[in-house]
PDB file of N, CA and C in Angstrom:
ATOM      1  N   MET A   1       0.848  -1.184   0.000  1.00  0.00           N
ATOM      2  CA  MET A   1       0.000   0.000   0.000  1.00  0.00           C
ATOM      3  C   MET A   1       0.890   1.242   0.000  1.00  0.00           C
ATOM      4  N   LYS A   2       0.532   2.217  -0.762  1.00  0.00           N
ATOM      5  CA  LYS A   2       1.290   3.461  -0.815  1.00  0.00           C
ATOM      6  C   LYS A   2       1.169   4.202   0.520  1.00  0.00           C
ATOM      7  N   GLN A   3       2.216   4.925   0.862  1.00  0.00           N
ATOM      8  CA  GLN A   3       2.227   5.683   2.114  1.00  0.00           C
ATOM      9  C   GLN A   3       1.176   6.785   2.105  1.00  0.00           C
ATOM     10  N   ASP A   4       0.934   7.385   0.960  1.00  0.00           N
ATOM     11  CA  ASP A   4      -0.020   8.491   0.869  1.00  0.00           C
ATOM     12  C   ASP A   4      -1.380   8.019   0.382  1.00  0.00           C
ATOM     13  N   HIS A   5      -1.762   6.806   0.744  1.00  0.00           N
ATOM     14  CA  HIS A   5      -3.028   6.234   0.295  1.00  0.00           C
ATOM     15  C   HIS A   5      -4.214   7.142   0.643  1.00  0.00           C
ATOM     16  N   ASN A   6      -4.285   7.604   1.899  1.00  0.00           N
ATOM     17  CA  ASN A   6      -5.409   8.459   2.306  1.00  0.00           C
ATOM     18  C   ASN A   6      -5.397   9.799   1.600  1.00  0.00           C
ATOM     19  N   LYS A   7      -4.228  10.354   1.343  1.00  0.00           N
ATOM     20  CA  LYS A   7      -4.154  11.656   0.687  1.00  0.00           C
ATOM     21  C   LYS A   7      -4.748  11.594  -0.710  1.00  0.00           C
ATOM     22  N   SER A   8      -4.552  10.473  -1.400  1.00  0.00           N
ATOM     23  CA  SER A   8      -5.079  10.364  -2.751  1.00  0.00           C
ATOM     24  C   SER A   8      -6.599  10.356  -2.757  1.00  0.00           C
ATOM     25  N   GLU A   9      -7.212   9.967  -1.657  1.00  0.00           N
ATOM     26  CA  GLU A   9      -8.664   9.964  -1.540  1.00  0.00           C
ATOM     27  C   GLU A   9      -9.187  11.224  -0.861  1.00  0.00           C
ATOM     28  N   ASN A  10      -8.285  12.181  -0.580  1.00  0.00           N
ATOM     29  CA  ASN A  10      -8.626  13.446   0.073  1.00  0.00           C
ATOM     30  C   ASN A  10      -9.257  13.255   1.444  1.00  0.00           C
ATOM     31  N   LEU A  11      -8.861  12.215   2.150  1.00  0.00           N
ATOM     32  CA  LEU A  11      -9.329  12.007   3.517  1.00  0.00           C
ATOM     33  C   LEU A  11      -8.403  12.771   4.457  1.00  0.00           C
ATOM     34  N   PRO A  12      -8.952  13.314   5.543  1.00  0.00           N
ATOM     35  CA  PRO A  12      -8.077  14.051   6.465  1.00  0.00           C
ATOM     36  C   PRO A  12      -7.096  13.110   7.161  1.00  0.00           C
ATOM     37  N   GLN A  13      -5.896  13.602   7.380  1.00  0.00           N
ATOM     38  CA  GLN A  13      -4.889  12.836   8.109  1.00  0.00           C
ATOM     39  C   GLN A  13      -5.053  13.030   9.615  1.00  0.00           C
ATOM     40  N   THR A  14      -5.712  14.122  10.015  1.00  0.00           N
ATOM     41  CA  THR A  14      -5.865  14.459  11.422  1.00  0.00           C
ATOM     42  C   THR A  14      -7.338  14.699  11.732  1.00  0.00           C
ATOM     43  N   LEU A  15      -7.787  14.123  12.836  1.00  0.00           N
ATOM     44  CA  LEU A  15      -9.159  14.309  13.287  1.00  0.00           C
ATOM     45  C   LEU A  15      -9.139  14.344  14.808  1.00  0.00           C
ATOM     46  N   ILE A  16      -9.830  15.303  15.385  1.00  0.00           N
ATOM     47  CA  ILE A  16      -9.898  15.407  16.847  1.00  0.00           C
ATOM     48  C   ILE A  16     -11.358  15.491  17.243  1.00  0.00           C
ATOM     49  N   ARG A  17     -11.752  14.627  18.172  1.00  0.00           N
ATOM     50  CA  ARG A  17     -13.141  14.610  18.625  1.00  0.00           C
ATOM     51  C   ARG A  17     -13.205  14.670  20.143  1.00  0.00           C
ATOM     52  N   ALA A  18     -14.130  15.482  20.628  1.00  0.00           N
ATOM     53  CA  ALA A  18     -14.386  15.530  22.068  1.00  0.00           C
ATOM     54  C   ALA A  18     -15.167  14.280  22.447  1.00  0.00           C
ATOM     55  N   CYS A  19     -14.858  13.729  23.595  1.00  0.00           N
ATOM     56  CA  CYS A  19     -15.519  12.516  24.077  1.00  0.00           C
ATOM     57  C   CYS A  19     -16.405  12.876  25.269  1.00  0.00           C
ATOM     58  N   SER A  20     -17.415  12.070  25.497  1.00  0.00           N
ATOM     59  CA  SER A  20     -18.315  12.315  26.631  1.00  0.00           C
ATOM     60  C   SER A  20     -17.591  12.166  27.970  1.00  0.00           C
ATOM     61  N   CYS A  21     -16.420  11.508  27.968  1.00  0.00           N
ATOM     62  CA  CYS A  21     -15.641  11.347  29.205  1.00  0.00           C
ATOM     63  C   CYS A  21     -14.886  12.622  29.565  1.00  0.00           C
ATOM     64  N   GLY A  22     -14.907  13.620  28.668  1.00  0.00           N
ATOM     65  CA  GLY A  22     -14.225  14.885  28.932  1.00  0.00           C
ATOM     66  C   GLY A  22     -12.855  14.979  28.280  1.00  0.00           C
ATOM     67  N   ASN A  23     -12.373  13.882  27.698  1.00  0.00           N
ATOM     68  CA  ASN A  23     -11.090  13.877  27.004  1.00  0.00           C
ATOM     69  C   ASN A  23     -11.302  14.086  25.515  1.00  0.00           C
ATOM     70  N   TYR A  24     -10.207  14.132  24.789  1.00  0.00           N
ATOM     71  CA  TYR A  24     -10.248  14.311  23.337  1.00  0.00           C
ATOM     72  C   TYR A  24      -9.528  13.146  22.686  1.00  0.00           C
ATOM     73  N   HIS A  25     -10.085  12.677  21.582  1.00  0.00           N
ATOM     74  CA  HIS A  25      -9.458  11.603  20.817  1.00  0.00           C
ATOM     75  C   HIS A  25      -8.783  12.236  19.606  1.00  0.00           C
ATOM     76  N   LEU A  26      -7.456  12.176  19.598  1.00  0.00           N
ATOM     77  CA  LEU A  26      -6.649  12.740  18.528  1.00  0.00           C
ATOM     78  C   LEU A  26      -6.257  11.590  17.604  1.00  0.00           C
ATOM     79  N   HIS A  27      -6.724  11.661  16.374  1.00  0.00           N
ATOM     80  CA  HIS A  27      -6.392  10.664  15.365  1.00  0.00           C
ATOM     81  C   HIS A  27      -5.424  11.311  14.383  1.00  0.00           C
ATOM     82  N   TYR A  28      -4.264  10.688  14.209  1.00  0.00           N
ATOM     83  CA  TYR A  28      -3.320  11.142  13.184  1.00  0.00           C
ATOM     84  C   TYR A  28      -2.859   9.924  12.408  1.00  0.00           C
ATOM     85  N   ARG A  29      -3.169   9.925  11.134  1.00  0.00           N
ATOM     86  CA  ARG A  29      -2.891   8.800  10.250  1.00  0.00           C
ATOM     87  C   ARG A  29      -3.444   7.522  10.857  1.00  0.00           C
ATOM     88  N   TYR A  30      -2.575   6.634  11.357  1.00  0.00           N
ATOM     89  CA  TYR A  30      -3.035   5.329  11.844  1.00  0.00           C
ATOM     90  C   TYR A  30      -3.004   5.217  13.362  1.00  0.00           C
ATOM     91  N   VAL A  31      -2.870   6.348  14.042  1.00  0.00           N
ATOM     92  CA  VAL A  31      -2.729   6.360  15.494  1.00  0.00           C
ATOM     93  C   VAL A  31      -3.881   7.131  16.121  1.00  0.00           C
ATOM     94  N   MET A  32      -4.364   6.653  17.272  1.00  0.00           N
ATOM     95  CA  MET A  32      -5.367   7.394  18.034  1.00  0.00           C
ATOM     96  C   MET A  32      -4.848   7.524  19.471  1.00  0.00           C
ATOM     97  N   VAL A  33      -4.812   8.753  19.965  1.00  0.00           N
ATOM     98  CA  VAL A  33      -4.345   9.034  21.317  1.00  0.00           C
ATOM     99  C   VAL A  33      -5.448   9.789  22.039  1.00  0.00           C
ATOM    100  N   THR A  34      -5.744   9.373  23.266  1.00  0.00           N
ATOM    101  CA  THR A  34      -6.721  10.077  24.089  1.00  0.00           C
ATOM    102  C   THR A  34      -5.972  11.055  24.991  1.00  0.00           C
ATOM    103  N   VAL A  35      -6.360  12.331  24.921  1.00  0.00           N
ATOM    104  CA  VAL A  35      -5.668  13.365  25.694  1.00  0.00           C
ATOM    105  C   VAL A  35      -6.686  14.188  26.484  1.00  0.00           C
ATOM    106  N   PRO A  36      -6.295  14.636  27.671  1.00  0.00           N
ATOM    107  CA  PRO A  36      -7.165  15.556  28.406  1.00  0.00           C
ATOM    108  C   PRO A  36      -7.097  16.951  27.798  1.00  0.00           C
ATOM    109  N   ARG A  37      -8.026  17.779  28.185  1.00  0.00           N
ATOM    110  CA  ARG A  37      -8.134  19.146  27.663  1.00  0.00           C
ATOM    111  C   ARG A  37      -6.841  19.938  27.846  1.00  0.00           C
ATOM    112  N   LYS A  38      -6.244  19.812  29.024  1.00  0.00           N
ATOM    113  CA  LYS A  38      -5.004  20.532  29.318  1.00  0.00           C
ATOM    114  C   LYS A  38      -3.898  20.139  28.335  1.00  0.00           C
ATOM    115  N   THR A  39      -3.812  18.869  27.990  1.00  0.00           N
ATOM    116  CA  THR A  39      -2.811  18.395  27.036  1.00  0.00           C
ATOM    117  C   THR A  39      -3.106  18.930  25.640  1.00  0.00           C
ATOM    118  N   LEU A  40      -4.385  19.005  25.277  1.00  0.00           N
ATOM    119  CA  LEU A  40      -4.762  19.580  23.992  1.00  0.00           C
ATOM    120  C   LEU A  40      -4.231  21.008  23.876  1.00  0.00           C
ATOM    121  N   PHE A  41      -4.357  21.788  24.944  1.00  0.00           N
ATOM    122  CA  PHE A  41      -3.856  23.162  24.936  1.00  0.00           C
ATOM    123  C   PHE A  41      -2.327  23.192  24.865  1.00  0.00           C
ATOM    124  N   HIS A  42      -1.682  22.227  25.511  1.00  0.00           N
ATOM    125  CA  HIS A  42      -0.218  22.142  25.434  1.00  0.00           C
ATOM    126  C   HIS A  42       0.219  21.846  23.998  1.00  0.00           C
ATOM    127  N   ILE A  43      -0.483  20.944  23.321  1.00  0.00           N
ATOM    128  CA  ILE A  43      -0.171  20.634  21.923  1.00  0.00           C
ATOM    129  C   ILE A  43      -0.367  21.877  21.058  1.00  0.00           C
ATOM    130  N   MET A  44      -1.408  22.649  21.353  1.00  0.00           N
ATOM    131  CA  MET A  44      -1.658  23.887  20.616  1.00  0.00           C
ATOM    132  C   MET A  44      -0.458  24.836  20.756  1.00  0.00           C
ATOM    133  N   GLU A  45       0.078  24.952  21.965  1.00  0.00           N
ATOM    134  CA  GLU A  45       1.246  25.811  22.191  1.00  0.00           C
ATOM    135  C   GLU A  45       2.463  25.305  21.418  1.00  0.00           C
ATOM    136  N   GLU A  46       2.673  23.992  21.431  1.00  0.00           N
ATOM    137  CA  GLU A  46       3.792  23.400  20.699  1.00  0.00           C
ATOM    138  C   GLU A  46       3.663  23.661  19.201  1.00  0.00           C
ATOM    139  N   CYS A  47       2.450  23.529  18.669  1.00  0.00           N
ATOM    140  CA  CYS A  47       2.207  23.801  17.249  1.00  0.00           C
ATOM    141  C   CYS A  47       2.496  25.258  16.920  1.00  0.00           C
ATOM    142  N   TYR A  48       2.082  26.157  17.809  1.00  0.00           N
ATOM    143  CA  TYR A  48       2.325  27.583  17.592  1.00  0.00           C
ATOM    144  C   TYR A  48       3.828  27.865  17.537  1.00  0.00           C
ATOM    145  N   GLU A  49       4.580  27.273  18.473  1.00  0.00           N
ATOM    146  CA  GLU A  49       6.032  27.480  18.499  1.00  0.00           C
ATOM    147  C   GLU A  49       6.687  26.910  17.245  1.00  0.00           C
ATOM    148  N   TRP A  50       6.236  25.730  16.799  1.00  0.00           N
ATOM    149  CA  TRP A  50       6.800  25.124  15.591  1.00  0.00           C
ATOM    150  C   TRP A  50       6.496  25.985  14.361  1.00  0.00           C
ATOM    151  N   GLU A  51       5.294  26.518  14.309  1.00  0.00           N
ATOM    152  CA  GLU A  51       4.907  27.383  13.197  1.00  0.00           C
ATOM    153  C   GLU A  51       5.771  28.638  13.166  1.00  0.00           C
ATOM    154  N   GLU A  52       6.065  29.197  14.326  1.00  0.00           N
ATOM    155  CA  GLU A  52       6.944  30.372  14.413  1.00  0.00           C
ATOM    156  C   GLU A  52       8.348  30.026  13.917  1.00  0.00           C
ATOM    157  N   MET A  53       8.869  28.861  14.312  1.00  0.00           N
ATOM    158  CA  MET A  53      10.196  28.459  13.865  1.00  0.00           C
ATOM    159  C   MET A  53      10.207  28.238  12.356  1.00  0.00           C
ATOM    160  N   ARG A  54       9.135  27.661  11.816  1.00  0.00           N
ATOM    161  CA  ARG A  54       9.047  27.443  10.371  1.00  0.00           C
ATOM    162  C   ARG A  54       9.024  28.768   9.622  1.00  0.00           C
ATOM    163  N   ASP A  55       8.372  29.770  10.188  1.00  0.00           N
ATOM    164  CA  ASP A  55       8.324  31.081   9.539  1.00  0.00           C
ATOM    165  C   ASP A  55       9.699  31.766   9.531  1.00  0.00           C
ATOM    166  N   HIS A  56      10.484  31.579  10.604  1.00  0.00           N
ATOM    167  CA  HIS A  56      11.777  32.256  10.713  1.00  0.00           C
ATOM    168  C   HIS A  56      12.910  31.522   9.993  1.00  0.00           C
ATOM    169  N   ALA A  57      12.827  30.207   9.904  1.00  0.00           N
ATOM    170  CA  ALA A  57      13.888  29.417   9.253  1.00  0.00           C
ATOM    171  C   ALA A  57      13.236  28.383   8.334  1.00  0.00           C
ATOM    172  N   ARG A  58      12.584  28.902   7.313  1.00  0.00           N
ATOM    173  CA  ARG A  58      11.820  28.065   6.387  1.00  0.00           C
ATOM    174  C   ARG A  58      12.651  26.945   5.771  1.00  0.00           C
ATOM    175  N   GLU A  59      13.884  27.259   5.354  1.00  0.00           N
ATOM    176  CA  GLU A  59      14.723  26.271   4.677  1.00  0.00           C
ATOM    177  C   GLU A  59      15.060  25.081   5.575  1.00  0.00           C
ATOM    178  N   ILE A  60      15.049  25.268   6.877  1.00  0.00           N
ATOM    179  CA  ILE A  60      15.356  24.184   7.812  1.00  0.00           C
ATOM    180  C   ILE A  60      14.088  23.441   8.232  1.00  0.00           C
ATOM    181  N   TYR A  61      13.086  24.167   8.683  1.00  0.00           N
ATOM    182  CA  TYR A  61      11.925  23.541   9.313  1.00  0.00           C
ATOM    183  C   TYR A  61      10.841  23.066   8.347  1.00  0.00           C
ATOM    184  N   GLN A  62      10.884  23.482   7.089  1.00  0.00           N
ATOM    185  CA  GLN A  62       9.882  22.999   6.131  1.00  0.00           C
ATOM    186  C   GLN A  62      10.094  21.525   5.814  1.00  0.00           C
ATOM    187  N   GLN A  63      11.321  21.035   5.953  1.00  0.00           N
ATOM    188  CA  GLN A  63      11.643  19.646   5.630  1.00  0.00           C
ATOM    189  C   GLN A  63      11.705  18.742   6.855  1.00  0.00           C
ATOM    190  N   LYS A  64      11.738  19.328   8.047  1.00  0.00           N
ATOM    191  CA  LYS A  64      11.843  18.535   9.273  1.00  0.00           C
ATOM    192  C   LYS A  64      10.450  18.152   9.769  1.00  0.00           C
ATOM    193  N   PRO A  65      10.296  16.928  10.259  1.00  0.00           N
ATOM    194  CA  PRO A  65       9.009  16.553  10.849  1.00  0.00           C
ATOM    195  C   PRO A  65       8.840  17.206  12.223  1.00  0.00           C
ATOM    196  N   PHE A  66       7.600  17.408  12.603  1.00  0.00           N
ATOM    197  CA  PHE A  66       7.252  17.971  13.906  1.00  0.00           C
ATOM    198  C   PHE A  66       7.115  16.793  14.865  1.00  0.00           C
ATOM    199  N   ARG A  67       7.939  16.762  15.897  1.00  0.00           N
ATOM    200  CA  ARG A  67       7.905  15.660  16.863  1.00  0.00           C
ATOM    201  C   ARG A  67       7.272  16.155  18.153  1.00  0.00           C
ATOM    202  N   LEU A  68       6.384  15.325  18.659  1.00  0.00           N
ATOM    203  CA  LEU A  68       5.568  15.714  19.801  1.00  0.00           C
ATOM    204  C   LEU A  68       5.511  14.565  20.792  1.00  0.00           C
ATOM    205  N   MET A  69       5.818  14.829  22.046  1.00  0.00           N
ATOM    206  CA  MET A  69       5.699  13.817  23.104  1.00  0.00           C
ATOM    207  C   MET A  69       4.394  14.049  23.848  1.00  0.00           C
ATOM    208  N   ILE A  70       3.578  12.999  23.908  1.00  0.00           N
ATOM    209  CA  ILE A  70       2.320  13.041  24.654  1.00  0.00           C
ATOM    210  C   ILE A  70       2.373  11.891  25.649  1.00  0.00           C
ATOM    211  N   GLY A  71       2.766  12.203  26.867  1.00  0.00           N
ATOM    212  CA  GLY A  71       2.943  11.141  27.856  1.00  0.00           C
ATOM    213  C   GLY A  71       4.050  10.210  27.408  1.00  0.00           C
ATOM    214  N   LEU A  72       3.717   8.943  27.222  1.00  0.00           N
ATOM    215  CA  LEU A  72       4.687   7.947  26.766  1.00  0.00           C
ATOM    216  C   LEU A  72       4.694   7.788  25.251  1.00  0.00           C
ATOM    217  N   VAL A  73       3.846   8.515  24.579  1.00  0.00           N
ATOM    218  CA  VAL A  73       3.691   8.386  23.131  1.00  0.00           C
ATOM    219  C   VAL A  73       4.453   9.504  22.424  1.00  0.00           C
ATOM    220  N   ALA A  74       5.177   9.117  21.376  1.00  0.00           N
ATOM    221  CA  ALA A  74       5.855  10.102  20.537  1.00  0.00           C
ATOM    222  C   ALA A  74       5.169  10.104  19.181  1.00  0.00           C
ATOM    223  N   LEU A  75       4.679  11.270  18.765  1.00  0.00           N
ATOM    224  CA  LEU A  75       4.080  11.417  17.445  1.00  0.00           C
ATOM    225  C   LEU A  75       5.045  12.191  16.564  1.00  0.00           C
ATOM    226  N   THR A  76       5.188  11.741  15.335  1.00  0.00           N
ATOM    227  CA  THR A  76       5.988  12.449  14.347  1.00  0.00           C
ATOM    228  C   THR A  76       5.047  12.885  13.247  1.00  0.00           C
ATOM    229  N   ILE A  77       4.858  14.183  13.124  1.00  0.00           N
ATOM    230  CA  ILE A  77       3.967  14.754  12.119  1.00  0.00           C
ATOM    231  C   ILE A  77       4.820  15.085  10.901  1.00  0.00           C
ATOM    232  N   LEU A  78       4.495  14.470   9.780  1.00  0.00           N
ATOM    233  CA  LEU A  78       5.254  14.706   8.554  1.00  0.00           C
ATOM    234  C   LEU A  78       5.121  16.160   8.117  1.00  0.00           C
ATOM    235  N   PRO A  79       6.165  16.721   7.503  1.00  0.00           N
ATOM    236  CA  PRO A  79       6.121  18.132   7.087  1.00  0.00           C
ATOM    237  C   PRO A  79       4.903  18.479   6.230  1.00  0.00           C
ATOM    238  N   GLY A  80       4.514  17.591   5.343  1.00  0.00           N
ATOM    239  CA  GLY A  80       3.362  17.846   4.481  1.00  0.00           C
ATOM    240  C   GLY A  80       2.032  17.790   5.206  1.00  0.00           C
ATOM    241  N   ASP A  81       2.012  17.204   6.404  1.00  0.00           N
ATOM    242  CA  ASP A  81       0.785  17.082   7.188  1.00  0.00           C
ATOM    243  C   ASP A  81       0.653  18.157   8.265  1.00  0.00           C
ATOM    244  N   PHE A  82       1.734  18.922   8.496  1.00  0.00           N
ATOM    245  CA  PHE A  82       1.712  19.849   9.635  1.00  0.00           C
ATOM    246  C   PHE A  82       0.592  20.880   9.556  1.00  0.00           C
ATOM    247  N   ASP A  83       0.384  21.482   8.395  1.00  0.00           N
ATOM    248  CA  ASP A  83      -0.642  22.527   8.296  1.00  0.00           C
ATOM    249  C   ASP A  83      -2.025  21.969   8.660  1.00  0.00           C
ATOM    250  N   GLU A  84      -2.344  20.778   8.181  1.00  0.00           N
ATOM    251  CA  GLU A  84      -3.629  20.163   8.512  1.00  0.00           C
ATOM    252  C   GLU A  84      -3.696  19.800   9.993  1.00  0.00           C
ATOM    253  N   PHE A  85      -2.605  19.248  10.537  1.00  0.00           N
ATOM    254  CA  PHE A  85      -2.556  18.886  11.961  1.00  0.00           C
ATOM    255  C   PHE A  85      -2.744  20.124  12.820  1.00  0.00           C
ATOM    256  N   ASN A  86      -2.005  21.181  12.499  1.00  0.00           N
ATOM    257  CA  ASN A  86      -2.088  22.430  13.241  1.00  0.00           C
ATOM    258  C   ASN A  86      -3.503  23.009  13.187  1.00  0.00           C
ATOM    259  N   SER A  87      -4.104  22.991  12.021  1.00  0.00           N
ATOM    260  CA  SER A  87      -5.466  23.504  11.860  1.00  0.00           C
ATOM    261  C   SER A  87      -6.462  22.715  12.714  1.00  0.00           C
ATOM    262  N   ALA A  88      -6.319  21.389  12.736  1.00  0.00           N
ATOM    263  CA  ALA A  88      -7.210  20.552  13.546  1.00  0.00           C
ATOM    264  C   ALA A  88      -7.023  20.828  15.031  1.00  0.00           C
ATOM    265  N   ILE A  89      -5.775  20.999  15.461  1.00  0.00           N
ATOM    266  CA  ILE A  89      -5.485  21.305  16.867  1.00  0.00           C
ATOM    267  C   ILE A  89      -6.079  22.658  17.248  1.00  0.00           C
ATOM    268  N   GLN A  90      -5.878  23.673  16.390  1.00  0.00           N
ATOM    269  CA  GLN A  90      -6.399  25.012  16.675  1.00  0.00           C
ATOM    270  C   GLN A  90      -7.928  25.003  16.770  1.00  0.00           C
ATOM    271  N   LYS A  91      -8.575  24.292  15.856  1.00  0.00           N
ATOM    272  CA  LYS A  91     -10.043  24.229  15.868  1.00  0.00           C
ATOM    273  C   LYS A  91     -10.535  23.515  17.122  1.00  0.00           C
ATOM    274  N   ALA A  92      -9.920  22.391  17.469  1.00  0.00           N
ATOM    275  CA  ALA A  92     -10.330  21.645  18.661  1.00  0.00           C
ATOM    276  C   ALA A  92     -10.113  22.478  19.932  1.00  0.00           C
ATOM    277  N   SER A  93      -9.004  23.210  19.980  1.00  0.00           N
ATOM    278  CA  SER A  93      -8.737  24.068  21.143  1.00  0.00           C
ATOM    279  C   SER A  93      -9.755  25.196  21.236  1.00  0.00           C
ATOM    280  N   SER A  94     -10.081  25.798  20.101  1.00  0.00           N
ATOM    281  CA  SER A  94     -11.096  26.859  20.083  1.00  0.00           C
ATOM    282  C   SER A  94     -12.453  26.323  20.532  1.00  0.00           C
ATOM    283  N   ASP A  95     -12.797  25.125  20.044  1.00  0.00           N
ATOM    284  CA  ASP A  95     -14.057  24.508  20.452  1.00  0.00           C
ATOM    285  C   ASP A  95     -14.050  24.186  21.948  1.00  0.00           C
ATOM    286  N   ALA A  96     -12.902  23.708  22.461  1.00  0.00           N
ATOM    287  CA  ALA A  96     -12.792  23.373  23.884  1.00  0.00           C
ATOM    288  C   ALA A  96     -12.952  24.610  24.753  1.00  0.00           C
ATOM    289  N   LEU A  97     -12.439  25.736  24.283  1.00  0.00           N
ATOM    290  CA  LEU A  97     -12.574  26.996  25.019  1.00  0.00           C
ATOM    291  C   LEU A  97     -13.916  27.671  24.776  1.00  0.00           C
ATOM    292  N   ASP A  98     -14.658  27.167  23.787  1.00  0.00           N
ATOM    293  CA  ASP A  98     -15.937  27.744  23.378  1.00  0.00           C
ATOM    294  C   ASP A  98     -15.748  29.207  23.001  1.00  0.00           C
ATOM    295  N   ILE A  99     -14.754  29.442  22.144  1.00  0.00           N
ATOM    296  CA  ILE A  99     -14.381  30.791  21.708  1.00  0.00           C
ATOM    297  C   ILE A  99     -15.556  31.548  21.102  1.00  0.00           C
ATOM    298  N   ARG A 100     -16.353  30.880  20.288  1.00  0.00           N
ATOM    299  CA  ARG A 100     -17.478  31.568  19.636  1.00  0.00           C
ATOM    300  C   ARG A 100     -18.438  32.144  20.661  1.00  0.00           C
ATOM    301  N   LYS A 101     -18.671  31.396  21.724  1.00  0.00           N
ATOM    302  CA  LYS A 101     -19.560  31.894  22.776  1.00  0.00           C
ATOM    303  C   LYS A 101     -18.920  33.088  23.484  1.00  0.00           C
ATOM    304  N   LEU A 102     -17.602  32.982  23.778  1.00  0.00           N
ATOM    305  CA  LEU A 102     -16.906  34.085  24.439  1.00  0.00           C
ATOM    306  C   LEU A 102     -16.884  35.337  23.574  1.00  0.00           C
ATOM    307  N   VAL A 103     -16.620  35.163  22.286  1.00  0.00           N
ATOM    308  CA  VAL A 103     -16.593  36.315  21.372  1.00  0.00           C
ATOM    309  C   VAL A 103     -17.982  36.921  21.246  1.00  0.00           C
ATOM    310  N   GLY A 104     -18.988  36.078  21.202  1.00  0.00           N
ATOM    311  CA  GLY A 104     -20.365  36.570  21.112  1.00  0.00           C
ATOM    312  C   GLY A 104     -20.764  37.365  22.328  1.00  0.00           C
ATOM    313  N   GLU A 105     -20.353  36.886  23.511  1.00  0.00           N
ATOM    314  CA  GLU A 105     -20.689  37.586  24.759  1.00  0.00           C
ATOM    315  C   GLU A 105     -19.947  38.913  24.859  1.00  0.00           C
ATOM    316  N   THR A 106     -18.658  38.942  24.526  1.00  0.00           N
ATOM    317  CA  THR A 106     -17.919  40.194  24.615  1.00  0.00           C
ATOM    318  C   THR A 106     -18.318  41.140  23.501  1.00  0.00           C
ATOM    319  N   GLY A 107     -18.659  40.566  22.339  1.00  0.00           N
ATOM    320  CA  GLY A 107     -19.079  41.405  21.215  1.00  0.00           C
ATOM    321  C   GLY A 107     -20.402  42.100  21.487  1.00  0.00           C
ATOM    322  N   SER A 108     -21.299  41.438  22.235  1.00  0.00           N
ATOM    323  CA  SER A 108     -22.587  42.040  22.528  1.00  0.00           C
ATOM    324  C   SER A 108     -22.506  43.074  23.643  1.00  0.00           C
ATOM    325  N   ASN A 109     -21.409  43.015  24.444  1.00  0.00           N
ATOM    326  CA  ASN A 109     -21.239  43.959  25.547  1.00  0.00           C
ATOM    327  C   ASN A 109     -20.601  45.262  25.091  1.00  0.00           C
ATOM    328  N   GLN A 110     -20.078  45.294  23.875  1.00  0.00           N
ATOM    329  CA  GLN A 110     -19.372  46.500  23.451  1.00  0.00           C
ATOM    330  C   GLN A 110     -20.299  47.513  22.857  1.00  0.00           C
TER     331      GLN A 110
END
């Protein structure tokens, strides 16, 4: 099977779902990791820092995979998957914080 089998079918490589237990299920390629909300926010910070490094040293970080330690699990996000992974993390974090509700409440108070 080709390594980019899912990409050819335009299926997402990253999916994050909130669970009724209060944790989040992070799916990346063939791996699923359950993380608490606090860890989701930590991953968001790591993604932000990696994105900043990629912007400042594009020639180095565009080709390097993003490596992430989650407890005992090490995830390696391929360079071509980082933008999608980062987007999924940002959306899940925004949903966890209920940003739309917060923006709506502050927007109506102004």
